[in-house]
Amino acid sequence: MPLEGARDGAPDAIQVADRWQLWHNLAGHAEKTVVAHRGCLKEQAPAPGDAGGRPPAATPPGAEPAAPAAEPDGQRDVCGRERRLVARARERHAAIHELLAAGHSQRAAGRALGLDLGTVQRFAREPDVASLLIKATSRESRLDPFKPWINQRWNEGITDATVLHAELQPRGWDGTVQAVRRYVRPFRAQAAAPPPAPAVPEARQITRWLLTRSDRLNAAEQAQLAGIRARCPHLDALAAHVTSFAEPCQCPARHY
């Protein structure tokens, strides 16, 4: 083998191809990890008046308790209730595995549940629904940049999804009215729209920051990456791993 010959003939030489391939593999793993844990960054914004670490006011006697804050894993909506996507995934996963355990084929399970074979195969491959939920809830939403404005308009009295959709279009939104309607549906049970979760950078952007030496990031990028690492221990560990791998070997990758 050429690589084995190179090792035997020049044992002290730095084999750039090997290291490039290792870095390439690490970069691919980093992107997958960011996608899997991006939901950790979707924490609910602090409620008004709670800044500076002040404790929330006590609930008056007889009043309804406030809805729980959205979970950082993205499995609950802005009002703290389990998202329909999550509930549907749990139900499908349980039903598919129950049918398979009873001896039905994947095609038969699909026919019984009204699902295509690809969907059944995707759920059947995962013994635990948790990994499926991570992938589903970590998807980037095209509506994310518009959510603060939607919340503001809702609290100003514009509660018709069709009107909100029409107002969004001049601002650059080219999605469907159904997407807007799904987002505002939980607000109808609340006195006002809660503060939107802070905007989360796209997975590709986070991956680029992780794979770039800190001295090549500007101050704003360094601050955002530091905040991301503070909010997700998995991404913090990944950043440390990337740094420990890249610095000693002086990898020839683009960012290091």
C-alpha atoms as a PDB file:
ATOM      1  CA  MET A   1       0.000   0.000   0.000  1.00  0.00           C
ATOM      2  CA  PRO A   2       1.351   3.524  -0.825  1.00  0.00           C
ATOM      3  CA  LEU A   3       0.690   4.882   2.677  1.00  0.00           C
ATOM      4  CA  GLU A   4       2.366   1.920   4.340  1.00  0.00           C
ATOM      5  CA  GLY A   5       5.384   2.353   2.039  1.00  0.00           C
ATOM      6  CA  ALA A   6       5.568   6.019   2.941  1.00  0.00           C
ATOM      7  CA  ARG A   7       5.538   5.175   6.632  1.00  0.00           C
ATOM      8  CA  ASP A   8       8.318   2.628   6.221  1.00  0.00           C
ATOM      9  CA  GLY A   9      10.453   4.828   3.982  1.00  0.00           C
ATOM     10  CA  ALA A  10       9.979   8.099   5.861  1.00  0.00           C
ATOM     11  CA  PRO A  11       8.692   7.380   9.353  1.00  0.00           C
ATOM     12  CA  ASP A  12       9.283  10.965  10.525  1.00  0.00           C
ATOM     13  CA  ALA A  13       7.466  12.607   7.631  1.00  0.00           C
ATOM     14  CA  ILE A  14       4.121  14.340   8.202  1.00  0.00           C
ATOM     15  CA  GLN A  15       1.507  12.566   6.125  1.00  0.00           C
ATOM     16  CA  VAL A  16      -0.726  15.424   5.082  1.00  0.00           C
ATOM     17  CA  ALA A  17      -3.230  13.225   3.252  1.00  0.00           C
ATOM     18  CA  ASP A  18      -3.901  11.201   6.388  1.00  0.00           C
ATOM     19  CA  ARG A  19      -4.394  14.292   8.486  1.00  0.00           C
ATOM     20  CA  TRP A  20      -6.556  15.985   5.874  1.00  0.00           C
ATOM     21  CA  GLN A  21      -8.814  12.927   5.806  1.00  0.00           C
ATOM     22  CA  LEU A  22      -9.009  12.881   9.606  1.00  0.00           C
ATOM     23  CA  TRP A  23      -9.894  16.565   9.636  1.00  0.00           C
ATOM     24  CA  HIS A  24     -12.469  16.038   6.895  1.00  0.00           C
ATOM     25  CA  ASN A  25     -14.079  13.259   8.937  1.00  0.00           C
ATOM     26  CA  LEU A  26     -14.025  15.411  12.066  1.00  0.00           C
ATOM     27  CA  ALA A  27     -15.685  18.275  10.189  1.00  0.00           C
ATOM     28  CA  GLY A  28     -18.460  15.950   9.026  1.00  0.00           C
ATOM     29  CA  HIS A  29     -18.969  14.669  12.564  1.00  0.00           C
ATOM     30  CA  ALA A  30     -19.004  18.254  13.868  1.00  0.00           C
ATOM     31  CA  GLU A  31     -21.769  19.278  11.485  1.00  0.00           C
ATOM     32  CA  LYS A  32     -23.894  16.253  12.413  1.00  0.00           C
ATOM     33  CA  THR A  33     -23.411  17.021  16.115  1.00  0.00           C
ATOM     34  CA  VAL A  34     -24.405  20.655  15.633  1.00  0.00           C
ATOM     35  CA  VAL A  35     -27.563  19.620  13.766  1.00  0.00           C
ATOM     36  CA  ALA A  36     -28.428  17.111  16.507  1.00  0.00           C
ATOM     37  CA  HIS A  37     -27.965  19.588  19.365  1.00  0.00           C
ATOM     38  CA  ARG A  38     -29.033  22.878  17.782  1.00  0.00           C
ATOM     39  CA  GLY A  39     -32.351  22.427  19.582  1.00  0.00           C
ATOM     40  CA  CYS A  40     -30.500  22.893  22.888  1.00  0.00           C
ATOM     41  CA  LEU A  41     -29.966  26.526  21.885  1.00  0.00           C
ATOM     42  CA  LYS A  42     -33.650  27.304  21.402  1.00  0.00           C
ATOM     43  CA  GLU A  43     -34.254  28.450  24.959  1.00  0.00           C
ATOM     44  CA  GLN A  44     -37.121  30.728  25.841  1.00  0.00           C
ATOM     45  CA  ALA A  45     -36.218  34.395  26.221  1.00  0.00           C
ATOM     46  CA  PRO A  46     -36.486  35.806  29.772  1.00  0.00           C
ATOM     47  CA  ALA A  47     -39.883  37.205  30.647  1.00  0.00           C
ATOM     48  CA  PRO A  48     -40.153  41.016  30.868  1.00  0.00           C
ATOM     49  CA  GLY A  49     -39.146  42.291  34.287  1.00  0.00           C
ATOM     50  CA  ASP A  50     -37.023  39.206  35.016  1.00  0.00           C
ATOM     51  CA  ALA A  51     -33.767  40.603  33.704  1.00  0.00           C
ATOM     52  CA  GLY A  52     -30.817  40.799  36.007  1.00  0.00           C
ATOM     53  CA  GLY A  53     -31.646  37.565  37.753  1.00  0.00           C
ATOM     54  CA  ARG A  54     -34.590  38.895  39.748  1.00  0.00           C
ATOM     55  CA  PRO A  55     -36.976  36.160  40.845  1.00  0.00           C
ATOM     56  CA  PRO A  56     -40.394  36.093  39.142  1.00  0.00           C
ATOM     57  CA  ALA A  57     -43.326  37.552  41.004  1.00  0.00           C
ATOM     58  CA  ALA A  58     -45.451  35.149  43.007  1.00  0.00           C
ATOM     59  CA  THR A  59     -48.677  33.954  41.411  1.00  0.00           C
ATOM     60  CA  PRO A  60     -51.672  35.676  43.049  1.00  0.00           C
ATOM     61  CA  PRO A  61     -54.038  33.364  44.966  1.00  0.00           C
ATOM     62  CA  GLY A  62     -56.641  31.813  42.678  1.00  0.00           C
ATOM     63  CA  ALA A  63     -54.821  32.878  39.504  1.00  0.00           C
ATOM     64  CA  GLU A  64     -53.862  30.430  36.780  1.00  0.00           C
ATOM     65  CA  PRO A  65     -50.162  29.530  36.938  1.00  0.00           C
ATOM     66  CA  ALA A  66     -48.042  30.724  34.052  1.00  0.00           C
ATOM     67  CA  ALA A  67     -47.354  28.261  31.268  1.00  0.00           C
ATOM     68  CA  PRO A  68     -43.981  26.531  31.617  1.00  0.00           C
ATOM     69  CA  ALA A  69     -41.154  27.915  29.581  1.00  0.00           C
ATOM     70  CA  ALA A  70     -40.277  26.174  26.349  1.00  0.00           C
ATOM     71  CA  GLU A  71     -37.849  23.321  26.847  1.00  0.00           C
ATOM     72  CA  PRO A  72     -34.355  23.928  25.479  1.00  0.00           C
ATOM     73  CA  ASP A  73     -34.511  20.709  23.460  1.00  0.00           C
ATOM     74  CA  GLY A  74     -37.193  22.184  21.212  1.00  0.00           C
ATOM     75  CA  GLN A  75     -39.797  19.525  22.016  1.00  0.00           C
ATOM     76  CA  ARG A  76     -42.333  22.015  23.407  1.00  0.00           C
ATOM     77  CA  ASP A  77     -43.962  24.993  21.795  1.00  0.00           C
ATOM     78  CA  VAL A  78     -43.644  28.592  22.955  1.00  0.00           C
ATOM     79  CA  CYS A  79     -46.372  27.983  25.540  1.00  0.00           C
ATOM     80  CA  GLY A  80     -44.666  24.955  27.088  1.00  0.00           C
ATOM     81  CA  ARG A  81     -46.876  22.284  25.540  1.00  0.00           C
ATOM     82  CA  GLU A  82     -45.504  19.280  23.672  1.00  0.00           C
ATOM     83  CA  ARG A  83     -45.357  20.056  19.975  1.00  0.00           C
ATOM     84  CA  ARG A  84     -47.712  18.153  17.693  1.00  0.00           C
ATOM     85  CA  LEU A  85     -44.725  17.007  15.646  1.00  0.00           C
ATOM     86  CA  VAL A  86     -43.228  15.384  18.747  1.00  0.00           C
ATOM     87  CA  ALA A  87     -46.459  13.704  19.817  1.00  0.00           C
ATOM     88  CA  ARG A  88     -47.028  12.356  16.308  1.00  0.00           C
ATOM     89  CA  ALA A  89     -43.482  10.980  16.129  1.00  0.00           C
ATOM     90  CA  ARG A  90     -43.918   9.191  19.468  1.00  0.00           C
ATOM     91  CA  GLU A  91     -47.214   7.660  18.342  1.00  0.00           C
ATOM     92  CA  ARG A  92     -45.843   6.508  14.984  1.00  0.00           C
ATOM     93  CA  HIS A  93     -42.705   5.045  16.509  1.00  0.00           C
ATOM     94  CA  ALA A  94     -44.684   3.076  19.088  1.00  0.00           C
ATOM     95  CA  ALA A  95     -47.232   1.825  16.536  1.00  0.00           C
ATOM     96  CA  ILE A  96     -44.608   0.755  13.988  1.00  0.00           C
ATOM     97  CA  HIS A  97     -42.485  -1.132  16.517  1.00  0.00           C
ATOM     98  CA  GLU A  98     -45.580  -2.782  17.999  1.00  0.00           C
ATOM     99  CA  LEU A  99     -46.610  -4.112  14.583  1.00  0.00           C
ATOM    100  CA  LEU A 100     -43.074  -5.262  13.748  1.00  0.00           C
ATOM    101  CA  ALA A 101     -42.779  -7.031  17.112  1.00  0.00           C
ATOM    102  CA  ALA A 102     -46.053  -8.822  16.345  1.00  0.00           C
ATOM    103  CA  GLY A 103     -44.518 -10.272  13.192  1.00  0.00           C
ATOM    104  CA  HIS A 104     -45.809  -7.887  10.539  1.00  0.00           C
ATOM    105  CA  SER A 105     -43.521  -6.851   7.700  1.00  0.00           C
ATOM    106  CA  GLN A 106     -42.577  -3.215   7.203  1.00  0.00           C
ATOM    107  CA  ARG A 107     -44.803  -3.015   4.137  1.00  0.00           C
ATOM    108  CA  ALA A 108     -47.727  -4.447   6.096  1.00  0.00           C
ATOM    109  CA  ALA A 109     -47.108  -1.985   8.920  1.00  0.00           C
ATOM    110  CA  GLY A 110     -47.116   0.859   6.411  1.00  0.00           C
ATOM    111  CA  ARG A 111     -50.418  -0.272   4.923  1.00  0.00           C
ATOM    112  CA  ALA A 112     -51.995  -0.622   8.364  1.00  0.00           C
ATOM    113  CA  LEU A 113     -50.897   2.861   9.447  1.00  0.00           C
ATOM    114  CA  GLY A 114     -51.277   4.637   6.117  1.00  0.00           C
ATOM    115  CA  LEU A 115     -47.547   5.403   5.894  1.00  0.00           C
ATOM    116  CA  ASP A 116     -45.158   5.008   2.977  1.00  0.00           C
ATOM    117  CA  LEU A 117     -42.405   2.409   3.202  1.00  0.00           C
ATOM    118  CA  GLY A 118     -39.640   5.011   3.552  1.00  0.00           C
ATOM    119  CA  THR A 119     -41.260   6.476   6.663  1.00  0.00           C
ATOM    120  CA  VAL A 120     -41.724   3.029   8.198  1.00  0.00           C
ATOM    121  CA  GLN A 121     -38.093   2.134   7.480  1.00  0.00           C
ATOM    122  CA  ARG A 122     -36.868   5.380   9.046  1.00  0.00           C
ATOM    123  CA  PHE A 123     -38.792   4.705  12.267  1.00  0.00           C
ATOM    124  CA  ALA A 124     -37.961   0.986  12.263  1.00  0.00           C
ATOM    125  CA  ARG A 125     -34.211   1.688  12.157  1.00  0.00           C
ATOM    126  CA  GLU A 126     -34.359   3.543  15.454  1.00  0.00           C
ATOM    127  CA  PRO A 127     -34.987   1.403  18.558  1.00  0.00           C
ATOM    128  CA  ASP A 128     -35.499   4.584  20.596  1.00  0.00           C
ATOM    129  CA  VAL A 129     -37.603   7.534  19.491  1.00  0.00           C
ATOM    130  CA  ALA A 130     -35.186  10.014  21.112  1.00  0.00           C
ATOM    131  CA  SER A 131     -32.822  10.212  18.124  1.00  0.00           C
ATOM    132  CA  LEU A 132     -35.736  10.808  15.772  1.00  0.00           C
ATOM    133  CA  LEU A 133     -37.003  13.625  17.974  1.00  0.00           C
ATOM    134  CA  ILE A 134     -33.583  15.292  18.010  1.00  0.00           C
ATOM    135  CA  LYS A 135     -33.476  15.335  14.221  1.00  0.00           C
ATOM    136  CA  ALA A 136     -37.055  16.544  13.885  1.00  0.00           C
ATOM    137  CA  THR A 137     -36.868  19.334  16.471  1.00  0.00           C
ATOM    138  CA  SER A 138     -33.456  20.603  15.378  1.00  0.00           C
ATOM    139  CA  ARG A 139     -34.524  21.475  11.857  1.00  0.00           C
ATOM    140  CA  GLU A 140     -34.018  25.092  10.992  1.00  0.00           C
ATOM    141  CA  SER A 141     -37.244  27.024  10.423  1.00  0.00           C
ATOM    142  CA  ARG A 142     -37.457  29.639   7.681  1.00  0.00           C
ATOM    143  CA  LEU A 143     -39.888  31.508   9.925  1.00  0.00           C
ATOM    144  CA  ASP A 144     -37.337  32.023  12.726  1.00  0.00           C
ATOM    145  CA  PRO A 145     -36.108  35.488  11.598  1.00  0.00           C
ATOM    146  CA  PHE A 146     -39.710  36.751  11.449  1.00  0.00           C
ATOM    147  CA  LYS A 147     -40.919  35.461  14.820  1.00  0.00           C
ATOM    148  CA  PRO A 148     -40.038  38.527  16.924  1.00  0.00           C
ATOM    149  CA  TRP A 149     -42.011  40.727  14.532  1.00  0.00           C
ATOM    150  CA  ILE A 150     -44.988  38.304  14.508  1.00  0.00           C
ATOM    151  CA  ASN A 151     -45.040  38.304  18.313  1.00  0.00           C
ATOM    152  CA  GLN A 152     -44.941  42.089  18.376  1.00  0.00           C
ATOM    153  CA  ARG A 153     -47.800  42.419  15.882  1.00  0.00           C
ATOM    154  CA  TRP A 154     -49.841  39.798  17.764  1.00  0.00           C
ATOM    155  CA  ASN A 155     -49.488  41.781  20.981  1.00  0.00           C
ATOM    156  CA  GLU A 156     -50.536  44.896  19.059  1.00  0.00           C
ATOM    157  CA  GLY A 157     -53.827  43.201  18.230  1.00  0.00           C
ATOM    158  CA  ILE A 158     -53.142  41.623  14.823  1.00  0.00           C
ATOM    159  CA  THR A 159     -54.245  38.051  15.542  1.00  0.00           C
ATOM    160  CA  ASP A 160     -55.408  36.936  12.099  1.00  0.00           C
ATOM    161  CA  ALA A 161     -52.813  34.622  10.541  1.00  0.00           C
ATOM    162  CA  THR A 162     -53.879  35.651   7.029  1.00  0.00           C
ATOM    163  CA  VAL A 163     -53.254  39.315   7.823  1.00  0.00           C
ATOM    164  CA  LEU A 164     -49.921  38.527   9.456  1.00  0.00           C
ATOM    165  CA  HIS A 165     -48.934  36.471   6.423  1.00  0.00           C
ATOM    166  CA  ALA A 166     -49.797  39.364   4.090  1.00  0.00           C
ATOM    167  CA  GLU A 167     -47.775  41.792   6.210  1.00  0.00           C
ATOM    168  CA  LEU A 168     -44.788  39.451   6.253  1.00  0.00           C
ATOM    169  CA  GLN A 169     -44.484  39.178   2.492  1.00  0.00           C
ATOM    170  CA  PRO A 170     -43.043  42.688   1.918  1.00  0.00           C
ATOM    171  CA  ARG A 171     -40.520  41.826   4.635  1.00  0.00           C
ATOM    172  CA  GLY A 172     -39.184  38.894   2.628  1.00  0.00           C
ATOM    173  CA  TRP A 173     -41.343  35.985   3.796  1.00  0.00           C
ATOM    174  CA  ASP A 174     -42.293  33.719   0.880  1.00  0.00           C
ATOM    175  CA  GLY A 175     -43.601  30.794   2.911  1.00  0.00           C
ATOM    176  CA  THR A 176     -47.163  29.641   3.380  1.00  0.00           C
ATOM    177  CA  VAL A 177     -49.919  31.048   5.531  1.00  0.00           C
ATOM    178  CA  GLN A 178     -50.168  27.593   7.147  1.00  0.00           C
ATOM    179  CA  ALA A 179     -46.669  28.023   8.614  1.00  0.00           C
ATOM    180  CA  VAL A 180     -47.713  31.332  10.182  1.00  0.00           C
ATOM    181  CA  ARG A 181     -50.971  29.814  11.423  1.00  0.00           C
ATOM    182  CA  ARG A 182     -49.143  26.905  13.086  1.00  0.00           C
ATOM    183  CA  TYR A 183     -46.757  29.282  14.835  1.00  0.00           C
ATOM    184  CA  VAL A 184     -49.436  31.567  16.300  1.00  0.00           C
ATOM    185  CA  ARG A 185     -51.934  28.834  17.204  1.00  0.00           C
ATOM    186  CA  PRO A 186     -50.561  28.408  20.794  1.00  0.00           C
ATOM    187  CA  PHE A 187     -50.876  32.166  21.392  1.00  0.00           C
ATOM    188  CA  ARG A 188     -54.682  31.972  21.343  1.00  0.00           C
ATOM    189  CA  ALA A 189     -54.708  30.311  24.767  1.00  0.00           C
ATOM    190  CA  GLN A 190     -52.551  33.076  26.271  1.00  0.00           C
ATOM    191  CA  ALA A 191     -53.210  36.679  27.217  1.00  0.00           C
ATOM    192  CA  ALA A 192     -50.316  37.743  24.984  1.00  0.00           C
ATOM    193  CA  ALA A 193     -47.643  36.224  22.802  1.00  0.00           C
ATOM    194  CA  PRO A 194     -44.649  35.243  24.955  1.00  0.00           C
ATOM    195  CA  PRO A 195     -41.200  36.624  24.161  1.00  0.00           C
ATOM    196  CA  PRO A 196     -39.746  34.695  21.218  1.00  0.00           C
ATOM    197  CA  ALA A 197     -36.793  32.436  21.740  1.00  0.00           C
ATOM    198  CA  PRO A 198     -33.497  34.082  20.818  1.00  0.00           C
ATOM    199  CA  ALA A 199     -32.481  33.670  17.199  1.00  0.00           C
ATOM    200  CA  VAL A 200     -30.217  30.667  16.718  1.00  0.00           C
ATOM    201  CA  PRO A 201     -27.533  30.768  14.000  1.00  0.00           C
ATOM    202  CA  GLU A 202     -27.841  28.173  11.261  1.00  0.00           C
ATOM    203  CA  ALA A 203     -26.106  24.846  11.816  1.00  0.00           C
ATOM    204  CA  ARG A 204     -23.659  25.546   8.997  1.00  0.00           C
ATOM    205  CA  GLN A 205     -22.648  28.855  10.596  1.00  0.00           C
ATOM    206  CA  ILE A 206     -22.119  27.278  14.025  1.00  0.00           C
ATOM    207  CA  THR A 207     -20.044  24.510  12.446  1.00  0.00           C
ATOM    208  CA  ARG A 208     -17.852  27.077  10.689  1.00  0.00           C
ATOM    209  CA  TRP A 209     -17.190  28.881  13.976  1.00  0.00           C
ATOM    210  CA  LEU A 210     -16.289  25.601  15.680  1.00  0.00           C
ATOM    211  CA  LEU A 211     -13.843  24.714  12.915  1.00  0.00           C
ATOM    212  CA  THR A 212     -12.171  28.130  12.837  1.00  0.00           C
ATOM    213  CA  ARG A 213      -9.361  29.202  15.128  1.00  0.00           C
ATOM    214  CA  SER A 214     -10.644  31.660  17.702  1.00  0.00           C
ATOM    215  CA  ASP A 215      -8.121  34.332  16.676  1.00  0.00           C
ATOM    216  CA  ARG A 216      -9.637  34.280  13.184  1.00  0.00           C
ATOM    217  CA  LEU A 217     -13.137  35.045  14.458  1.00  0.00           C
ATOM    218  CA  ASN A 218     -14.198  38.623  15.072  1.00  0.00           C
ATOM    219  CA  ALA A 219     -15.353  39.751  18.500  1.00  0.00           C
ATOM    220  CA  ALA A 220     -19.054  39.255  17.709  1.00  0.00           C
ATOM    221  CA  GLU A 221     -18.477  35.726  16.419  1.00  0.00           C
ATOM    222  CA  GLN A 222     -16.370  34.831  19.439  1.00  0.00           C
ATOM    223  CA  ALA A 223     -19.119  36.100  21.748  1.00  0.00           C
ATOM    224  CA  GLN A 224     -21.801  34.108  19.927  1.00  0.00           C
ATOM    225  CA  LEU A 225     -19.715  30.945  19.985  1.00  0.00           C
ATOM    226  CA  ALA A 226     -19.018  31.419  23.700  1.00  0.00           C
ATOM    227  CA  GLY A 227     -22.750  31.755  24.333  1.00  0.00           C
ATOM    228  CA  ILE A 228     -23.461  28.610  22.330  1.00  0.00           C
ATOM    229  CA  ARG A 229     -20.868  26.643  24.284  1.00  0.00           C
ATOM    230  CA  ALA A 230     -22.306  27.901  27.567  1.00  0.00           C
ATOM    231  CA  ARG A 231     -25.835  26.806  26.639  1.00  0.00           C
ATOM    232  CA  CYS A 232     -25.025  23.325  25.302  1.00  0.00           C
ATOM    233  CA  PRO A 233     -22.494  21.042  27.044  1.00  0.00           C
ATOM    234  CA  HIS A 234     -22.405  18.751  23.990  1.00  0.00           C
ATOM    235  CA  LEU A 235     -21.267  21.566  21.696  1.00  0.00           C
ATOM    236  CA  ASP A 236     -18.856  22.804  24.355  1.00  0.00           C
ATOM    237  CA  ALA A 237     -17.246  19.365  24.471  1.00  0.00           C
ATOM    238  CA  LEU A 238     -17.160  19.260  20.671  1.00  0.00           C
ATOM    239  CA  ALA A 239     -15.386  22.637  20.520  1.00  0.00           C
ATOM    240  CA  ALA A 240     -12.765  21.436  22.983  1.00  0.00           C
ATOM    241  CA  HIS A 241     -12.271  18.251  20.970  1.00  0.00           C
ATOM    242  CA  VAL A 242     -11.816  20.188  17.710  1.00  0.00           C
ATOM    243  CA  THR A 243      -9.269  22.485  19.329  1.00  0.00           C
ATOM    244  CA  SER A 244      -7.292  19.632  20.888  1.00  0.00           C
ATOM    245  CA  PHE A 245      -7.199  17.812  17.541  1.00  0.00           C
ATOM    246  CA  ALA A 246      -6.312  20.774  15.340  1.00  0.00           C
ATOM    247  CA  GLU A 247      -3.657  22.657  17.267  1.00  0.00           C
ATOM    248  CA  PRO A 248      -1.059  19.927  17.842  1.00  0.00           C
ATOM    249  CA  CYS A 249      -1.185  18.585  14.290  1.00  0.00           C
ATOM    250  CA  GLN A 250      -1.404  22.005  12.574  1.00  0.00           C
ATOM    251  CA  CYS A 251      -4.039  20.626  10.263  1.00  0.00           C
ATOM    252  CA  PRO A 252      -3.944  21.884   6.665  1.00  0.00           C
ATOM    253  CA  ALA A 253      -7.695  22.477   6.609  1.00  0.00           C
ATOM    254  CA  ARG A 254      -9.130  25.776   5.460  1.00  0.00           C
ATOM    255  CA  HIS A 255      -9.896  27.177   8.890  1.00  0.00           C
ATOM    256  CA  TYR A 256      -6.891  25.909  10.876  1.00  0.00           C
END
